[in-house]
Amino acid sequence: MNQATPTGLQSTRWLVVALCPAVAMSDTLASAFGIGVALLFSWIFVALTAALPASLPSRITHALRMLMLATVIGCMSLWLDAGLHGLYDTLAFFLPLLVANLALLTLPPGQSVRIALTNAARRGFSVLLVLVILGAAREFVGRGSLLHAAEWTGMDRVQLFPSDMGFLLAMLPPGAFIALGLLLAVRNWFLNRHRHEPDQNR
């Protein structure tokens, strides 16, 4: 099996691992988008480390990758604190967790930079999309609004129904994992449905 193209159960595994540190803070659309973009850029940077010489021992390669990733997260934190302080207040605690998170998703050996970048971009955009869906759904159910605490985007909050009518569980971390489980269930149902369609047409 080609390690560059994870499918099925492998794809679900890396998705769950990637979302676990971030899903707890995706209680609003703005915060989910912010952490999703941070994950995307971090993954792309990690993919660039595929250019490290293949002759290096795996331990040294992993240490260099962690050092470079920690540098990127530190620079990202400083840039957010200086330019987007509202977003920094929301994500500051979670940004360092990206280092431990991405350490679990090491690049398969022997990948070219082009393949590594393609996979990183695809995974990053997938995670960004999932987080945005979770954030929007949790904010809508829990607060009755969209774009809450999104002043850093320059957009006004949209209140769809009174916040006191919201469902509190949706804004708590357990609600995030329940929503993630439902989203994965819908994904699996969709994939199985299309997988069985060719058999039914025979």
C-alpha atoms as a PDB file:
ATOM      1  CA  MET A   1       0.000   0.000   0.000  1.00  0.00           C
ATOM      2  CA  ASN A   2       1.312   3.432  -0.874  1.00  0.00           C
ATOM      3  CA  GLN A   3       1.873   5.376   2.314  1.00  0.00           C
ATOM      4  CA  ALA A   4       1.521   8.666   0.505  1.00  0.00           C
ATOM      5  CA  THR A   5      -2.172   8.146  -0.046  1.00  0.00           C
ATOM      6  CA  PRO A   6      -3.906   7.070   3.200  1.00  0.00           C
ATOM      7  CA  THR A   7      -7.421   5.795   2.719  1.00  0.00           C
ATOM      8  CA  GLY A   8     -10.310   4.394   4.726  1.00  0.00           C
ATOM      9  CA  LEU A   9      -9.427   3.588   8.304  1.00  0.00           C
ATOM     10  CA  GLN A  10      -5.992   5.227   8.013  1.00  0.00           C
ATOM     11  CA  SER A  11      -7.584   8.487   6.873  1.00  0.00           C
ATOM     12  CA  THR A  12     -10.037   8.422   9.777  1.00  0.00           C
ATOM     13  CA  ARG A  13      -7.230   7.780  12.251  1.00  0.00           C
ATOM     14  CA  TRP A  14      -5.105  10.754  11.240  1.00  0.00           C
ATOM     15  CA  LEU A  15      -8.204  12.951  11.115  1.00  0.00           C
ATOM     16  CA  VAL A  16      -9.203  12.066  14.686  1.00  0.00           C
ATOM     17  CA  VAL A  17      -5.629  12.485  15.940  1.00  0.00           C
ATOM     18  CA  ALA A  18      -5.374  15.856  14.238  1.00  0.00           C
ATOM     19  CA  LEU A  19      -8.646  17.149  15.635  1.00  0.00           C
ATOM     20  CA  CYS A  20      -8.367  15.975  19.256  1.00  0.00           C
ATOM     21  CA  PRO A  21      -6.204  18.914  20.489  1.00  0.00           C
ATOM     22  CA  ALA A  22      -8.187  21.442  18.458  1.00  0.00           C
ATOM     23  CA  VAL A  23     -11.763  20.238  18.817  1.00  0.00           C
ATOM     24  CA  ALA A  24     -12.085  21.424  22.425  1.00  0.00           C
ATOM     25  CA  MET A  25     -11.707  25.087  21.426  1.00  0.00           C
ATOM     26  CA  SER A  26     -13.860  25.032  18.299  1.00  0.00           C
ATOM     27  CA  ASP A  27     -16.870  26.459  20.129  1.00  0.00           C
ATOM     28  CA  THR A  28     -17.152  29.408  17.733  1.00  0.00           C
ATOM     29  CA  LEU A  29     -16.752  29.764  14.000  1.00  0.00           C
ATOM     30  CA  ALA A  30     -13.972  32.347  14.361  1.00  0.00           C
ATOM     31  CA  SER A  31     -11.827  30.307  16.751  1.00  0.00           C
ATOM     32  CA  ALA A  32     -12.299  27.133  14.703  1.00  0.00           C
ATOM     33  CA  PHE A  33     -11.194  28.952  11.561  1.00  0.00           C
ATOM     34  CA  GLY A  34      -8.161  30.404  13.332  1.00  0.00           C
ATOM     35  CA  ILE A  35      -6.883  27.098  14.690  1.00  0.00           C
ATOM     36  CA  GLY A  36      -7.630  25.402  11.357  1.00  0.00           C
ATOM     37  CA  VAL A  37      -5.476  27.907   9.455  1.00  0.00           C
ATOM     38  CA  ALA A  38      -2.703  27.499  12.045  1.00  0.00           C
ATOM     39  CA  LEU A  39      -2.818  23.718  11.556  1.00  0.00           C
ATOM     40  CA  LEU A  40      -2.757  24.118   7.774  1.00  0.00           C
ATOM     41  CA  PHE A  41       0.347  26.297   7.748  1.00  0.00           C
ATOM     42  CA  SER A  42       2.069  24.079  10.338  1.00  0.00           C
ATOM     43  CA  TRP A  43       1.447  20.948   8.279  1.00  0.00           C
ATOM     44  CA  ILE A  44       2.751  22.607   5.128  1.00  0.00           C
ATOM     45  CA  PHE A  45       5.905  23.643   6.944  1.00  0.00           C
ATOM     46  CA  VAL A  46       6.410  20.135   8.309  1.00  0.00           C
ATOM     47  CA  ALA A  47       6.046  18.833   4.750  1.00  0.00           C
ATOM     48  CA  LEU A  48       8.984  21.009   3.702  1.00  0.00           C
ATOM     49  CA  THR A  49      11.179  18.979   6.044  1.00  0.00           C
ATOM     50  CA  ALA A  50      10.892  16.141   3.536  1.00  0.00           C
ATOM     51  CA  ALA A  51      13.748  17.942   1.811  1.00  0.00           C
ATOM     52  CA  LEU A  52      16.089  16.922   4.647  1.00  0.00           C
ATOM     53  CA  PRO A  53      18.806  14.548   3.408  1.00  0.00           C
ATOM     54  CA  ALA A  54      17.631  10.951   3.453  1.00  0.00           C
ATOM     55  CA  SER A  55      21.063   9.858   4.688  1.00  0.00           C
ATOM     56  CA  LEU A  56      20.427  11.412   8.120  1.00  0.00           C
ATOM     57  CA  PRO A  57      19.471   8.990  10.918  1.00  0.00           C
ATOM     58  CA  SER A  58      15.747   8.950  11.688  1.00  0.00           C
ATOM     59  CA  ARG A  59      16.313  10.235  15.231  1.00  0.00           C
ATOM     60  CA  ILE A  60      18.188  13.292  13.972  1.00  0.00           C
ATOM     61  CA  THR A  61      15.568  13.935  11.290  1.00  0.00           C
ATOM     62  CA  HIS A  62      12.769  13.745  13.859  1.00  0.00           C
ATOM     63  CA  ALA A  63      14.630  16.070  16.250  1.00  0.00           C
ATOM     64  CA  LEU A  64      15.248  18.616  13.485  1.00  0.00           C
ATOM     65  CA  ARG A  65      11.611  18.434  12.439  1.00  0.00           C
ATOM     66  CA  MET A  66      10.430  19.061  16.003  1.00  0.00           C
ATOM     67  CA  LEU A  67      12.868  21.959  16.424  1.00  0.00           C
ATOM     68  CA  MET A  68      11.728  23.594  13.172  1.00  0.00           C
ATOM     69  CA  LEU A  69       8.067  23.059  14.039  1.00  0.00           C
ATOM     70  CA  ALA A  70       8.505  24.568  17.505  1.00  0.00           C
ATOM     71  CA  THR A  71      10.172  27.585  15.871  1.00  0.00           C
ATOM     72  CA  VAL A  72       7.238  28.038  13.497  1.00  0.00           C
ATOM     73  CA  ILE A  73       4.695  27.824  16.332  1.00  0.00           C
ATOM     74  CA  GLY A  74       6.680  30.353  18.362  1.00  0.00           C
ATOM     75  CA  CYS A  75       6.869  32.791  15.440  1.00  0.00           C
ATOM     76  CA  MET A  76       3.165  32.279  14.750  1.00  0.00           C
ATOM     77  CA  SER A  77       2.327  33.092  18.378  1.00  0.00           C
ATOM     78  CA  LEU A  78       4.389  36.283  18.282  1.00  0.00           C
ATOM     79  CA  TRP A  79       2.819  37.362  14.997  1.00  0.00           C
ATOM     80  CA  LEU A  80      -0.711  36.755  16.274  1.00  0.00           C
ATOM     81  CA  ASP A  81       0.040  38.615  19.500  1.00  0.00           C
ATOM     82  CA  ALA A  82       1.299  41.605  17.518  1.00  0.00           C
ATOM     83  CA  GLY A  83      -1.174  41.701  14.651  1.00  0.00           C
ATOM     84  CA  LEU A  84      -4.323  39.809  15.676  1.00  0.00           C
ATOM     85  CA  HIS A  85      -4.438  40.066  19.426  1.00  0.00           C
ATOM     86  CA  GLY A  86      -8.111  39.100  19.642  1.00  0.00           C
ATOM     87  CA  LEU A  87      -7.390  35.801  17.910  1.00  0.00           C
ATOM     88  CA  TYR A  88      -4.234  35.336  19.984  1.00  0.00           C
ATOM     89  CA  ASP A  89      -6.237  35.568  23.222  1.00  0.00           C
ATOM     90  CA  THR A  90      -8.385  32.694  21.984  1.00  0.00           C
ATOM     91  CA  LEU A  91      -5.658  30.448  20.592  1.00  0.00           C
ATOM     92  CA  ALA A  92      -2.600  31.217  22.730  1.00  0.00           C
ATOM     93  CA  PHE A  93      -3.112  28.217  25.003  1.00  0.00           C
ATOM     94  CA  PHE A  94      -3.730  25.814  22.130  1.00  0.00           C
ATOM     95  CA  LEU A  95      -0.964  26.814  19.719  1.00  0.00           C
ATOM     96  CA  PRO A  96       1.812  24.966  21.644  1.00  0.00           C
ATOM     97  CA  LEU A  97      -0.321  21.815  21.496  1.00  0.00           C
ATOM     98  CA  LEU A  98       0.190  21.828  17.734  1.00  0.00           C
ATOM     99  CA  VAL A  99       3.775  20.735  18.284  1.00  0.00           C
ATOM    100  CA  ALA A 100       2.776  17.578  20.162  1.00  0.00           C
ATOM    101  CA  ASN A 101      -0.104  16.987  17.751  1.00  0.00           C
ATOM    102  CA  LEU A 102       1.965  17.180  14.593  1.00  0.00           C
ATOM    103  CA  ALA A 103       4.720  15.088  16.144  1.00  0.00           C
ATOM    104  CA  LEU A 104       2.334  12.125  15.966  1.00  0.00           C
ATOM    105  CA  LEU A 105       1.805  12.641  12.240  1.00  0.00           C
ATOM    106  CA  THR A 106       5.347  12.081  11.004  1.00  0.00           C
ATOM    107  CA  LEU A 107       6.041  11.958   7.303  1.00  0.00           C
ATOM    108  CA  PRO A 108       6.434   8.475   5.783  1.00  0.00           C
ATOM    109  CA  PRO A 109      10.028   7.825   4.733  1.00  0.00           C
ATOM    110  CA  GLY A 110      11.036   8.321   1.139  1.00  0.00           C
ATOM    111  CA  GLN A 111       8.437  10.926   0.213  1.00  0.00           C
ATOM    112  CA  SER A 112       9.361  13.667  -2.210  1.00  0.00           C
ATOM    113  CA  VAL A 113       8.741  17.283  -1.281  1.00  0.00           C
ATOM    114  CA  ARG A 114       6.005  17.575  -3.915  1.00  0.00           C
ATOM    115  CA  ILE A 115       4.060  14.566  -2.591  1.00  0.00           C
ATOM    116  CA  ALA A 116       4.556  15.679   1.022  1.00  0.00           C
ATOM    117  CA  LEU A 117       3.267  19.182   0.247  1.00  0.00           C
ATOM    118  CA  THR A 118       0.279  17.795  -1.661  1.00  0.00           C
ATOM    119  CA  ASN A 119      -0.701  15.499   1.202  1.00  0.00           C
ATOM    120  CA  ALA A 120      -0.141  18.235   3.799  1.00  0.00           C
ATOM    121  CA  ALA A 121      -2.305  20.713   1.895  1.00  0.00           C
ATOM    122  CA  ARG A 122      -5.072  18.150   1.374  1.00  0.00           C
ATOM    123  CA  ARG A 123      -5.086  17.129   5.024  1.00  0.00           C
ATOM    124  CA  GLY A 124      -4.835  20.710   6.230  1.00  0.00           C
ATOM    125  CA  PHE A 125      -7.791  21.876   4.164  1.00  0.00           C
ATOM    126  CA  SER A 126      -9.796  18.816   5.265  1.00  0.00           C
ATOM    127  CA  VAL A 127      -9.158  19.597   8.929  1.00  0.00           C
ATOM    128  CA  LEU A 128      -9.916  23.290   8.349  1.00  0.00           C
ATOM    129  CA  LEU A 129     -13.243  22.373   6.746  1.00  0.00           C
ATOM    130  CA  VAL A 130     -14.163  19.992   9.581  1.00  0.00           C
ATOM    131  CA  LEU A 131     -13.285  22.551  12.253  1.00  0.00           C
ATOM    132  CA  VAL A 132     -15.288  25.276  10.510  1.00  0.00           C
ATOM    133  CA  ILE A 133     -18.316  22.977  10.292  1.00  0.00           C
ATOM    134  CA  LEU A 134     -17.971  22.009  13.961  1.00  0.00           C
ATOM    135  CA  GLY A 135     -17.424  25.604  15.065  1.00  0.00           C
ATOM    136  CA  ALA A 136     -20.390  26.940  13.125  1.00  0.00           C
ATOM    137  CA  ALA A 137     -22.679  24.143  14.331  1.00  0.00           C
ATOM    138  CA  ARG A 138     -21.638  24.446  17.990  1.00  0.00           C
ATOM    139  CA  GLU A 139     -21.931  28.233  17.976  1.00  0.00           C
ATOM    140  CA  PHE A 140     -25.345  28.103  16.320  1.00  0.00           C
ATOM    141  CA  VAL A 141     -26.745  25.482  18.716  1.00  0.00           C
ATOM    142  CA  GLY A 142     -25.051  26.812  21.849  1.00  0.00           C
ATOM    143  CA  ARG A 143     -25.192  30.579  21.353  1.00  0.00           C
ATOM    144  CA  GLY A 144     -27.730  31.089  18.597  1.00  0.00           C
ATOM    145  CA  SER A 145     -25.238  33.177  16.639  1.00  0.00           C
ATOM    146  CA  LEU A 146     -22.431  33.133  14.114  1.00  0.00           C
ATOM    147  CA  LEU A 147     -19.111  35.024  14.265  1.00  0.00           C
ATOM    148  CA  HIS A 148     -19.184  35.463  18.026  1.00  0.00           C
ATOM    149  CA  ALA A 149     -15.964  37.126  19.304  1.00  0.00           C
ATOM    150  CA  ALA A 150     -14.801  37.604  15.710  1.00  0.00           C
ATOM    151  CA  GLU A 151     -13.855  41.277  15.916  1.00  0.00           C
ATOM    152  CA  TRP A 152     -10.426  40.441  14.491  1.00  0.00           C
ATOM    153  CA  THR A 153     -12.105  39.493  11.194  1.00  0.00           C
ATOM    154  CA  GLY A 154     -13.812  42.886  10.853  1.00  0.00           C
ATOM    155  CA  MET A 155     -17.213  41.166  10.572  1.00  0.00           C
ATOM    156  CA  ASP A 156     -20.200  41.706  12.834  1.00  0.00           C
ATOM    157  CA  ARG A 157     -21.832  38.933  14.821  1.00  0.00           C
ATOM    158  CA  VAL A 158     -25.057  37.521  13.410  1.00  0.00           C
ATOM    159  CA  GLN A 159     -27.575  36.665  16.170  1.00  0.00           C
ATOM    160  CA  LEU A 160     -30.066  34.107  14.870  1.00  0.00           C
ATOM    161  CA  PHE A 161     -32.015  33.488  18.088  1.00  0.00           C
ATOM    162  CA  PRO A 162     -31.630  34.583  21.749  1.00  0.00           C
ATOM    163  CA  SER A 163     -28.535  33.156  23.395  1.00  0.00           C
ATOM    164  CA  ASP A 164     -30.459  32.048  26.503  1.00  0.00           C
ATOM    165  CA  MET A 165     -32.299  29.556  24.280  1.00  0.00           C
ATOM    166  CA  GLY A 166     -29.032  27.859  23.323  1.00  0.00           C
ATOM    167  CA  PHE A 167     -27.991  24.339  24.313  1.00  0.00           C
ATOM    168  CA  LEU A 168     -25.141  24.590  26.855  1.00  0.00           C
ATOM    169  CA  LEU A 169     -23.662  21.164  26.077  1.00  0.00           C
ATOM    170  CA  ALA A 170     -22.841  22.287  22.543  1.00  0.00           C
ATOM    171  CA  MET A 171     -20.381  24.888  23.878  1.00  0.00           C
ATOM    172  CA  LEU A 172     -18.577  22.460  26.217  1.00  0.00           C
ATOM    173  CA  PRO A 173     -15.788  20.047  25.166  1.00  0.00           C
ATOM    174  CA  PRO A 174     -18.043  16.960  25.512  1.00  0.00           C
ATOM    175  CA  GLY A 175     -20.415  18.577  23.039  1.00  0.00           C
ATOM    176  CA  ALA A 176     -17.525  19.025  20.617  1.00  0.00           C
ATOM    177  CA  PHE A 177     -16.678  15.325  20.674  1.00  0.00           C
ATOM    178  CA  ILE A 178     -20.343  14.390  20.305  1.00  0.00           C
ATOM    179  CA  ALA A 179     -20.555  16.668  17.264  1.00  0.00           C
ATOM    180  CA  LEU A 180     -17.323  15.185  15.879  1.00  0.00           C
ATOM    181  CA  GLY A 181     -18.709  11.675  16.319  1.00  0.00           C
ATOM    182  CA  LEU A 182     -21.884  12.612  14.465  1.00  0.00           C
ATOM    183  CA  LEU A 183     -19.823  14.181  11.673  1.00  0.00           C
ATOM    184  CA  LEU A 184     -17.694  11.049  11.335  1.00  0.00           C
ATOM    185  CA  ALA A 185     -20.849   8.917  11.303  1.00  0.00           C
ATOM    186  CA  VAL A 186     -22.261  10.984   8.430  1.00  0.00           C
ATOM    187  CA  ARG A 187     -18.936  10.692   6.590  1.00  0.00           C
ATOM    188  CA  ASN A 188     -18.841   6.904   6.997  1.00  0.00           C
ATOM    189  CA  TRP A 189     -22.475   6.595   5.899  1.00  0.00           C
ATOM    190  CA  PHE A 190     -21.755   8.678   2.802  1.00  0.00           C
ATOM    191  CA  LEU A 191     -18.665   6.631   1.878  1.00  0.00           C
ATOM    192  CA  ASN A 192     -20.436   3.292   2.436  1.00  0.00           C
ATOM    193  CA  ARG A 193     -23.443   4.453   0.438  1.00  0.00           C
ATOM    194  CA  HIS A 194     -21.328   5.287  -2.596  1.00  0.00           C
ATOM    195  CA  ARG A 195     -19.271   2.116  -2.164  1.00  0.00           C
ATOM    196  CA  HIS A 196     -22.375  -0.083  -2.378  1.00  0.00           C
ATOM    197  CA  GLU A 197     -23.967   1.803  -5.284  1.00  0.00           C
ATOM    198  CA  PRO A 198     -21.902   0.003  -7.998  1.00  0.00           C
ATOM    199  CA  ASP A 199     -22.923  -3.399  -6.533  1.00  0.00           C
ATOM    200  CA  GLN A 200     -26.603  -2.461  -6.683  1.00  0.00           C
ATOM    201  CA  ASN A 201     -26.323  -1.330 -10.314  1.00  0.00           C
ATOM    202  CA  ARG A 202     -25.015  -4.699 -11.510  1.00  0.00           C
END
